[in-house]
């Protein structure tokens, strides 16, 4: 690989429930002079996927349980947000003051079950994670295939990291490419003197794409071009979530 390029898809319209993401991204790429090409990796911000799929909640309409209301008093959080966090989580991993770290129903460990208010599009709204990010990616990939394009699709979201300050984007869904490679090349044997190494190209691509997307840039989709990817139509993001038996920090 001599090099790769990363660029944002400019000119996307405001995303609302029912928006055809594949069509919107395809058309915006054409209009801005950066059309998608087969072999590209398309990285889409989780929030616009959630908006297109109607995963937007009015906080005033949330029915708060007595347990969530009591929990909110201890966490110094909006009771409606606490209720949504609990509904979207398998368990609370850690809670200190208003900070709630939970394991989502997908198996992701993140703050507030990935619920976002800053990009909700209005006051008193919250955006939940997509129900099935892999399926969301597969839908976009299939729609682009109908247009003659063979592209991998990744959904990304911004997560904090244990033992490090600041945040970075990681992959929360994928379609078309395997999210893990061993020794940089599928099932290749280890190089002499090295043990088995597994790399996470889906996460690496998501982080790289964030360099041109950015939370404040209003460019919620980006393309990584020139990076070879291992095609896989069956793998899921579950393959990179560490089993509890192998999780030394659980």
C-alpha atoms as a PDB file:
ATOM      1  CA  UNK A   1       0.000   0.000   0.000  1.00  0.00           C
ATOM      2  CA  UNK A   2       1.645   3.209  -1.196  1.00  0.00           C
ATOM      3  CA  UNK A   3      -0.758   5.446   0.704  1.00  0.00           C
ATOM      4  CA  UNK A   4      -4.376   6.269   1.321  1.00  0.00           C
ATOM      5  CA  UNK A   5      -6.668   9.272   1.272  1.00  0.00           C
ATOM      6  CA  UNK A   6      -9.390  10.311   3.682  1.00  0.00           C
ATOM      7  CA  UNK A   7     -12.027  12.895   2.834  1.00  0.00           C
ATOM      8  CA  UNK A   8     -15.409  13.982   4.130  1.00  0.00           C
ATOM      9  CA  UNK A   9     -18.661  13.831   2.194  1.00  0.00           C
ATOM     10  CA  UNK A  10     -19.728  17.466   1.988  1.00  0.00           C
ATOM     11  CA  UNK A  11     -23.240  18.795   1.514  1.00  0.00           C
ATOM     12  CA  UNK A  12     -25.330  16.157   3.247  1.00  0.00           C
ATOM     13  CA  UNK A  13     -28.850  17.392   4.072  1.00  0.00           C
ATOM     14  CA  UNK A  14     -30.261  17.477   7.584  1.00  0.00           C
ATOM     15  CA  UNK A  15     -30.974  13.870   8.516  1.00  0.00           C
ATOM     16  CA  UNK A  16     -34.481  13.149   9.777  1.00  0.00           C
ATOM     17  CA  UNK A  17     -36.429   9.940  10.477  1.00  0.00           C
ATOM     18  CA  UNK A  18     -36.877   8.024   7.245  1.00  0.00           C
ATOM     19  CA  UNK A  19     -33.954   9.623   5.385  1.00  0.00           C
ATOM     20  CA  UNK A  20     -32.401   7.253   2.842  1.00  0.00           C
ATOM     21  CA  UNK A  21     -28.786   7.451   4.020  1.00  0.00           C
ATOM     22  CA  UNK A  22     -27.284   5.518   1.114  1.00  0.00           C
ATOM     23  CA  UNK A  23     -29.000   7.735  -1.451  1.00  0.00           C
ATOM     24  CA  UNK A  24     -28.151  10.933   0.443  1.00  0.00           C
ATOM     25  CA  UNK A  25     -24.467  10.022   0.770  1.00  0.00           C
ATOM     26  CA  UNK A  26     -24.212   8.835  -2.837  1.00  0.00           C
ATOM     27  CA  UNK A  27     -25.816  12.005  -4.188  1.00  0.00           C
ATOM     28  CA  UNK A  28     -23.809  14.330  -1.914  1.00  0.00           C
ATOM     29  CA  UNK A  29     -20.590  12.674  -3.030  1.00  0.00           C
ATOM     30  CA  UNK A  30     -21.527  13.139  -6.666  1.00  0.00           C
ATOM     31  CA  UNK A  31     -22.550  16.758  -6.166  1.00  0.00           C
ATOM     32  CA  UNK A  32     -19.393  17.702  -4.250  1.00  0.00           C
ATOM     33  CA  UNK A  33     -17.038  16.124  -6.774  1.00  0.00           C
ATOM     34  CA  UNK A  34     -15.976  13.277  -4.470  1.00  0.00           C
ATOM     35  CA  UNK A  35     -18.064  10.333  -5.702  1.00  0.00           C
ATOM     36  CA  UNK A  36     -17.801   6.973  -3.987  1.00  0.00           C
ATOM     37  CA  UNK A  37     -15.775   4.280  -5.735  1.00  0.00           C
ATOM     38  CA  UNK A  38     -15.719   0.498  -5.366  1.00  0.00           C
ATOM     39  CA  UNK A  39     -13.060  -0.474  -2.838  1.00  0.00           C
ATOM     40  CA  UNK A  40     -13.754   2.549  -0.613  1.00  0.00           C
ATOM     41  CA  UNK A  41     -14.555   2.289   3.073  1.00  0.00           C
ATOM     42  CA  UNK A  42     -17.490   4.532   3.987  1.00  0.00           C
ATOM     43  CA  UNK A  43     -17.554   5.690   7.618  1.00  0.00           C
ATOM     44  CA  UNK A  44     -20.851   7.091   8.910  1.00  0.00           C
ATOM     45  CA  UNK A  45     -21.341   8.823  12.252  1.00  0.00           C
ATOM     46  CA  UNK A  46     -23.653   6.843  14.505  1.00  0.00           C
ATOM     47  CA  UNK A  47     -25.862   9.840  15.261  1.00  0.00           C
ATOM     48  CA  UNK A  48     -27.137  10.304  11.711  1.00  0.00           C
ATOM     49  CA  UNK A  49     -27.895   6.586  11.484  1.00  0.00           C
ATOM     50  CA  UNK A  50     -29.913   6.853  14.692  1.00  0.00           C
ATOM     51  CA  UNK A  51     -31.746   9.923  13.392  1.00  0.00           C
ATOM     52  CA  UNK A  52     -32.591   8.229  10.095  1.00  0.00           C
ATOM     53  CA  UNK A  53     -33.886   5.218  12.005  1.00  0.00           C
ATOM     54  CA  UNK A  54     -36.020   7.327  14.337  1.00  0.00           C
ATOM     55  CA  UNK A  55     -33.985   6.640  17.492  1.00  0.00           C
ATOM     56  CA  UNK A  56     -34.817  10.099  18.849  1.00  0.00           C
ATOM     57  CA  UNK A  57     -36.632  10.431  22.173  1.00  0.00           C
ATOM     58  CA  UNK A  58     -38.414  13.429  23.694  1.00  0.00           C
ATOM     59  CA  UNK A  59     -37.313  13.520  27.317  1.00  0.00           C
ATOM     60  CA  UNK A  60     -40.647  14.927  28.453  1.00  0.00           C
ATOM     61  CA  UNK A  61     -42.361  11.776  27.143  1.00  0.00           C
ATOM     62  CA  UNK A  62     -40.113   9.309  28.995  1.00  0.00           C
ATOM     63  CA  UNK A  63     -41.965   7.406  31.711  1.00  0.00           C
ATOM     64  CA  UNK A  64     -39.516   7.468  34.593  1.00  0.00           C
ATOM     65  CA  UNK A  65     -39.656   4.515  36.967  1.00  0.00           C
ATOM     66  CA  UNK A  66     -39.417   5.029  40.740  1.00  0.00           C
ATOM     67  CA  UNK A  67     -36.061   3.225  40.670  1.00  0.00           C
ATOM     68  CA  UNK A  68     -34.648   5.549  37.993  1.00  0.00           C
ATOM     69  CA  UNK A  69     -35.936   8.602  39.859  1.00  0.00           C
ATOM     70  CA  UNK A  70     -34.249   7.438  43.045  1.00  0.00           C
ATOM     71  CA  UNK A  71     -31.075   6.614  41.124  1.00  0.00           C
ATOM     72  CA  UNK A  72     -31.141  10.086  39.528  1.00  0.00           C
ATOM     73  CA  UNK A  73     -31.097  11.721  42.943  1.00  0.00           C
ATOM     74  CA  UNK A  74     -27.824   9.952  43.703  1.00  0.00           C
ATOM     75  CA  UNK A  75     -26.267  10.547  40.288  1.00  0.00           C
ATOM     76  CA  UNK A  76     -27.242  14.209  39.926  1.00  0.00           C
ATOM     77  CA  UNK A  77     -28.665  13.470  36.463  1.00  0.00           C
ATOM     78  CA  UNK A  78     -31.918  14.151  34.657  1.00  0.00           C
ATOM     79  CA  UNK A  79     -34.291  11.332  35.720  1.00  0.00           C
ATOM     80  CA  UNK A  80     -35.403  10.840  32.109  1.00  0.00           C
ATOM     81  CA  UNK A  81     -31.798  10.337  30.985  1.00  0.00           C
ATOM     82  CA  UNK A  82     -31.198   7.869  33.801  1.00  0.00           C
ATOM     83  CA  UNK A  83     -34.300   5.935  32.751  1.00  0.00           C
ATOM     84  CA  UNK A  84     -33.106   5.776  29.141  1.00  0.00           C
ATOM     85  CA  UNK A  85     -29.592   4.754  30.187  1.00  0.00           C
ATOM     86  CA  UNK A  86     -30.966   1.906  32.290  1.00  0.00           C
ATOM     87  CA  UNK A  87     -33.297   0.784  29.500  1.00  0.00           C
ATOM     88  CA  UNK A  88     -30.433   0.730  26.985  1.00  0.00           C
ATOM     89  CA  UNK A  89     -27.978  -1.079  29.276  1.00  0.00           C
ATOM     90  CA  UNK A  90     -27.272  -4.600  30.412  1.00  0.00           C
ATOM     91  CA  UNK A  91     -25.537  -3.357  33.552  1.00  0.00           C
ATOM     92  CA  UNK A  92     -23.964  -0.334  35.192  1.00  0.00           C
ATOM     93  CA  UNK A  93     -20.208  -0.842  35.197  1.00  0.00           C
ATOM     94  CA  UNK A  94     -19.256   2.198  37.258  1.00  0.00           C
ATOM     95  CA  UNK A  95     -21.015   5.282  38.549  1.00  0.00           C
ATOM     96  CA  UNK A  96     -19.373   8.282  40.196  1.00  0.00           C
ATOM     97  CA  UNK A  97     -21.485  11.404  40.645  1.00  0.00           C
ATOM     98  CA  UNK A  98     -23.167  12.188  37.318  1.00  0.00           C
ATOM     99  CA  UNK A  99     -20.873   9.836  35.382  1.00  0.00           C
ATOM    100  CA  UNK A 100     -22.473   6.517  34.445  1.00  0.00           C
ATOM    101  CA  UNK A 101     -20.387   3.925  32.614  1.00  0.00           C
ATOM    102  CA  UNK A 102     -22.588   1.110  31.354  1.00  0.00           C
ATOM    103  CA  UNK A 103     -22.531  -1.957  29.159  1.00  0.00           C
ATOM    104  CA  UNK A 104     -25.032  -1.444  26.374  1.00  0.00           C
ATOM    105  CA  UNK A 105     -27.294  -4.147  25.008  1.00  0.00           C
ATOM    106  CA  UNK A 106     -24.781  -4.448  22.149  1.00  0.00           C
ATOM    107  CA  UNK A 107     -21.975  -5.185  24.621  1.00  0.00           C
ATOM    108  CA  UNK A 108     -20.198  -1.812  24.294  1.00  0.00           C
ATOM    109  CA  UNK A 109     -18.749  -0.231  27.446  1.00  0.00           C
ATOM    110  CA  UNK A 110     -19.320   3.522  27.285  1.00  0.00           C
ATOM    111  CA  UNK A 111     -20.712   6.562  29.063  1.00  0.00           C
ATOM    112  CA  UNK A 112     -24.489   6.845  29.383  1.00  0.00           C
ATOM    113  CA  UNK A 113     -25.151   3.846  27.106  1.00  0.00           C
ATOM    114  CA  UNK A 114     -24.024   5.977  24.168  1.00  0.00           C
ATOM    115  CA  UNK A 115     -26.999   8.323  24.542  1.00  0.00           C
ATOM    116  CA  UNK A 116     -26.301  11.762  23.086  1.00  0.00           C
ATOM    117  CA  UNK A 117     -27.992  15.103  23.671  1.00  0.00           C
ATOM    118  CA  UNK A 118     -25.443  17.454  22.098  1.00  0.00           C
ATOM    119  CA  UNK A 119     -26.245  16.305  18.541  1.00  0.00           C
ATOM    120  CA  UNK A 120     -29.938  15.613  19.046  1.00  0.00           C
ATOM    121  CA  UNK A 121     -31.118  18.458  16.845  1.00  0.00           C
ATOM    122  CA  UNK A 122     -33.222  20.203  19.475  1.00  0.00           C
ATOM    123  CA  UNK A 123     -33.723  20.988  23.150  1.00  0.00           C
ATOM    124  CA  UNK A 124     -35.156  18.197  25.280  1.00  0.00           C
ATOM    125  CA  UNK A 125     -34.237  15.450  22.813  1.00  0.00           C
ATOM    126  CA  UNK A 126     -31.920  12.466  23.187  1.00  0.00           C
ATOM    127  CA  UNK A 127     -30.462  10.240  20.480  1.00  0.00           C
ATOM    128  CA  UNK A 128     -30.064   6.538  21.257  1.00  0.00           C
ATOM    129  CA  UNK A 129     -27.612   4.180  19.583  1.00  0.00           C
ATOM    130  CA  UNK A 130     -28.917   2.221  16.576  1.00  0.00           C
ATOM    131  CA  UNK A 131     -30.646  -1.010  17.626  1.00  0.00           C
ATOM    132  CA  UNK A 132     -28.436  -3.149  15.357  1.00  0.00           C
ATOM    133  CA  UNK A 133     -25.476  -1.195  13.939  1.00  0.00           C
ATOM    134  CA  UNK A 134     -24.255  -4.131  11.837  1.00  0.00           C
ATOM    135  CA  UNK A 135     -27.669  -4.414  10.172  1.00  0.00           C
ATOM    136  CA  UNK A 136     -27.696  -0.653   9.591  1.00  0.00           C
ATOM    137  CA  UNK A 137     -24.329  -0.917   7.829  1.00  0.00           C
ATOM    138  CA  UNK A 138     -25.506  -3.891   5.778  1.00  0.00           C
ATOM    139  CA  UNK A 139     -28.536  -1.911   4.606  1.00  0.00           C
ATOM    140  CA  UNK A 140     -26.376   0.958   3.353  1.00  0.00           C
ATOM    141  CA  UNK A 141     -23.884  -1.429   1.734  1.00  0.00           C
ATOM    142  CA  UNK A 142     -26.670  -3.307  -0.071  1.00  0.00           C
ATOM    143  CA  UNK A 143     -28.221  -0.070  -1.345  1.00  0.00           C
ATOM    144  CA  UNK A 144     -24.867   1.117  -2.701  1.00  0.00           C
ATOM    145  CA  UNK A 145     -24.313  -2.276  -4.329  1.00  0.00           C
ATOM    146  CA  UNK A 146     -27.520  -1.687  -6.267  1.00  0.00           C
ATOM    147  CA  UNK A 147     -25.807   1.415  -7.632  1.00  0.00           C
ATOM    148  CA  UNK A 148     -22.826  -0.681  -8.763  1.00  0.00           C
ATOM    149  CA  UNK A 149     -20.557   0.156  -5.824  1.00  0.00           C
ATOM    150  CA  UNK A 150     -18.745  -2.429  -3.694  1.00  0.00           C
ATOM    151  CA  UNK A 151     -17.815  -0.497  -0.555  1.00  0.00           C
ATOM    152  CA  UNK A 152     -17.305  -1.505   3.052  1.00  0.00           C
ATOM    153  CA  UNK A 153     -19.435   0.426   5.535  1.00  0.00           C
ATOM    154  CA  UNK A 154     -18.561   1.326   9.129  1.00  0.00           C
ATOM    155  CA  UNK A 155     -20.653   3.130  11.722  1.00  0.00           C
ATOM    156  CA  UNK A 156     -18.502   5.081  14.177  1.00  0.00           C
ATOM    157  CA  UNK A 157     -19.098   6.690  17.535  1.00  0.00           C
ATOM    158  CA  UNK A 158     -16.977   8.676  19.980  1.00  0.00           C
ATOM    159  CA  UNK A 159     -15.926   6.736  23.079  1.00  0.00           C
ATOM    160  CA  UNK A 160     -13.633   7.439  25.996  1.00  0.00           C
ATOM    161  CA  UNK A 161     -10.765   5.032  26.715  1.00  0.00           C
ATOM    162  CA  UNK A 162      -9.613   3.407  29.956  1.00  0.00           C
ATOM    163  CA  UNK A 163      -6.326   4.805  31.278  1.00  0.00           C
ATOM    164  CA  UNK A 164      -6.280   7.668  28.748  1.00  0.00           C
ATOM    165  CA  UNK A 165      -7.717  11.154  28.649  1.00  0.00           C
ATOM    166  CA  UNK A 166      -9.730  12.427  25.667  1.00  0.00           C
ATOM    167  CA  UNK A 167     -11.903  10.490  23.251  1.00  0.00           C
ATOM    168  CA  UNK A 168     -11.602   8.898  19.838  1.00  0.00           C
ATOM    169  CA  UNK A 169     -13.974   7.291  17.363  1.00  0.00           C
ATOM    170  CA  UNK A 170     -14.341   3.525  17.262  1.00  0.00           C
ATOM    171  CA  UNK A 171     -16.405   1.227  15.063  1.00  0.00           C
ATOM    172  CA  UNK A 172     -19.786   0.225  16.441  1.00  0.00           C
ATOM    173  CA  UNK A 173     -21.027  -1.490  13.286  1.00  0.00           C
ATOM    174  CA  UNK A 174     -19.605  -2.786  10.032  1.00  0.00           C
ATOM    175  CA  UNK A 175     -20.597  -4.489   6.791  1.00  0.00           C
ATOM    176  CA  UNK A 176     -18.500  -5.997   4.034  1.00  0.00           C
ATOM    177  CA  UNK A 177     -15.165  -6.071   5.860  1.00  0.00           C
ATOM    178  CA  UNK A 178     -13.864  -8.163   8.726  1.00  0.00           C
ATOM    179  CA  UNK A 179     -13.253  -5.992  11.813  1.00  0.00           C
ATOM    180  CA  UNK A 180     -10.151  -7.958  12.869  1.00  0.00           C
ATOM    181  CA  UNK A 181      -7.037  -9.144  11.061  1.00  0.00           C
ATOM    182  CA  UNK A 182      -4.349 -11.455  12.419  1.00  0.00           C
ATOM    183  CA  UNK A 183      -0.736 -10.350  11.882  1.00  0.00           C
ATOM    184  CA  UNK A 184      -1.984  -7.782   9.404  1.00  0.00           C
ATOM    185  CA  UNK A 185      -3.199 -10.346   6.896  1.00  0.00           C
ATOM    186  CA  UNK A 186      -6.191 -12.491   7.722  1.00  0.00           C
ATOM    187  CA  UNK A 187      -5.069 -15.876   8.944  1.00  0.00           C
ATOM    188  CA  UNK A 188      -1.390 -15.478   8.013  1.00  0.00           C
ATOM    189  CA  UNK A 189       1.074 -17.313  10.282  1.00  0.00           C
ATOM    190  CA  UNK A 190       3.027 -15.277  12.837  1.00  0.00           C
ATOM    191  CA  UNK A 191       6.287 -13.725  11.656  1.00  0.00           C
ATOM    192  CA  UNK A 192       9.454 -15.317  13.075  1.00  0.00           C
ATOM    193  CA  UNK A 193      10.044 -14.163  16.615  1.00  0.00           C
ATOM    194  CA  UNK A 194       6.543 -12.763  17.029  1.00  0.00           C
ATOM    195  CA  UNK A 195       3.513 -14.200  18.759  1.00  0.00           C
ATOM    196  CA  UNK A 196       0.068 -13.995  17.265  1.00  0.00           C
ATOM    197  CA  UNK A 197      -1.046 -10.375  16.896  1.00  0.00           C
ATOM    198  CA  UNK A 198      -4.572  -9.255  16.136  1.00  0.00           C
ATOM    199  CA  UNK A 199      -5.290  -5.817  14.733  1.00  0.00           C
ATOM    200  CA  UNK A 200      -8.570  -3.920  14.623  1.00  0.00           C
ATOM    201  CA  UNK A 201      -8.799  -2.248  11.193  1.00  0.00           C
ATOM    202  CA  UNK A 202     -12.445  -1.294  11.724  1.00  0.00           C
ATOM    203  CA  UNK A 203     -11.530   0.767  14.795  1.00  0.00           C
ATOM    204  CA  UNK A 204      -8.417   2.149  13.102  1.00  0.00           C
ATOM    205  CA  UNK A 205     -10.447   3.300  10.099  1.00  0.00           C
ATOM    206  CA  UNK A 206     -13.114   4.842  12.352  1.00  0.00           C
ATOM    207  CA  UNK A 207     -10.474   6.825  14.234  1.00  0.00           C
ATOM    208  CA  UNK A 208      -8.788   7.948  11.028  1.00  0.00           C
ATOM    209  CA  UNK A 209     -12.073   9.087   9.499  1.00  0.00           C
ATOM    210  CA  UNK A 210     -12.786  11.224  12.561  1.00  0.00           C
ATOM    211  CA  UNK A 211      -9.816  13.400  11.576  1.00  0.00           C
ATOM    212  CA  UNK A 212     -11.876  14.784   8.681  1.00  0.00           C
ATOM    213  CA  UNK A 213     -15.355  14.414  10.196  1.00  0.00           C
ATOM    214  CA  UNK A 214     -15.048  15.899  13.661  1.00  0.00           C
ATOM    215  CA  UNK A 215     -17.888  16.398  16.108  1.00  0.00           C
ATOM    216  CA  UNK A 216     -18.294  20.079  15.229  1.00  0.00           C
ATOM    217  CA  UNK A 217     -17.646  20.019  11.489  1.00  0.00           C
ATOM    218  CA  UNK A 218     -21.143  18.916  10.435  1.00  0.00           C
ATOM    219  CA  UNK A 219     -19.533  16.378   8.099  1.00  0.00           C
ATOM    220  CA  UNK A 220     -21.021  13.124   9.405  1.00  0.00           C
ATOM    221  CA  UNK A 221     -19.685  10.793   6.699  1.00  0.00           C
ATOM    222  CA  UNK A 222     -16.195  10.187   5.373  1.00  0.00           C
ATOM    223  CA  UNK A 223     -14.420   7.945   2.884  1.00  0.00           C
ATOM    224  CA  UNK A 224     -11.149   6.087   3.379  1.00  0.00           C
ATOM    225  CA  UNK A 225      -9.692   5.234  -0.030  1.00  0.00           C
ATOM    226  CA  UNK A 226      -6.685   3.096  -0.907  1.00  0.00           C
ATOM    227  CA  UNK A 227      -6.729   0.820   2.130  1.00  0.00           C
ATOM    228  CA  UNK A 228      -7.138  -2.885   1.291  1.00  0.00           C
ATOM    229  CA  UNK A 229      -9.784  -4.613   3.392  1.00  0.00           C
ATOM    230  CA  UNK A 230     -10.593  -8.238   4.023  1.00  0.00           C
ATOM    231  CA  UNK A 231     -14.052  -8.943   2.649  1.00  0.00           C
ATOM    232  CA  UNK A 232     -16.410 -10.693   5.011  1.00  0.00           C
ATOM    233  CA  UNK A 233     -20.205 -10.650   4.811  1.00  0.00           C
ATOM    234  CA  UNK A 234     -20.872 -12.655   7.972  1.00  0.00           C
ATOM    235  CA  UNK A 235     -18.618 -11.272  10.707  1.00  0.00           C
ATOM    236  CA  UNK A 236     -20.163  -8.948  13.293  1.00  0.00           C
ATOM    237  CA  UNK A 237     -18.824  -6.412  15.753  1.00  0.00           C
ATOM    238  CA  UNK A 238     -19.379  -9.027  18.447  1.00  0.00           C
ATOM    239  CA  UNK A 239     -16.148 -10.633  17.269  1.00  0.00           C
ATOM    240  CA  UNK A 240     -14.113  -7.805  18.819  1.00  0.00           C
ATOM    241  CA  UNK A 241     -15.961  -7.659  22.127  1.00  0.00           C
ATOM    242  CA  UNK A 242     -13.840  -9.585  24.610  1.00  0.00           C
ATOM    243  CA  UNK A 243     -15.548 -12.494  26.360  1.00  0.00           C
ATOM    244  CA  UNK A 244     -16.012 -12.077  30.101  1.00  0.00           C
ATOM    245  CA  UNK A 245     -13.790 -15.131  30.669  1.00  0.00           C
ATOM    246  CA  UNK A 246     -10.898 -13.296  28.968  1.00  0.00           C
ATOM    247  CA  UNK A 247     -11.652  -9.862  30.383  1.00  0.00           C
ATOM    248  CA  UNK A 248      -9.094  -9.273  33.137  1.00  0.00           C
ATOM    249  CA  UNK A 249     -10.779  -6.069  34.316  1.00  0.00           C
ATOM    250  CA  UNK A 250     -14.394  -7.169  34.581  1.00  0.00           C
END
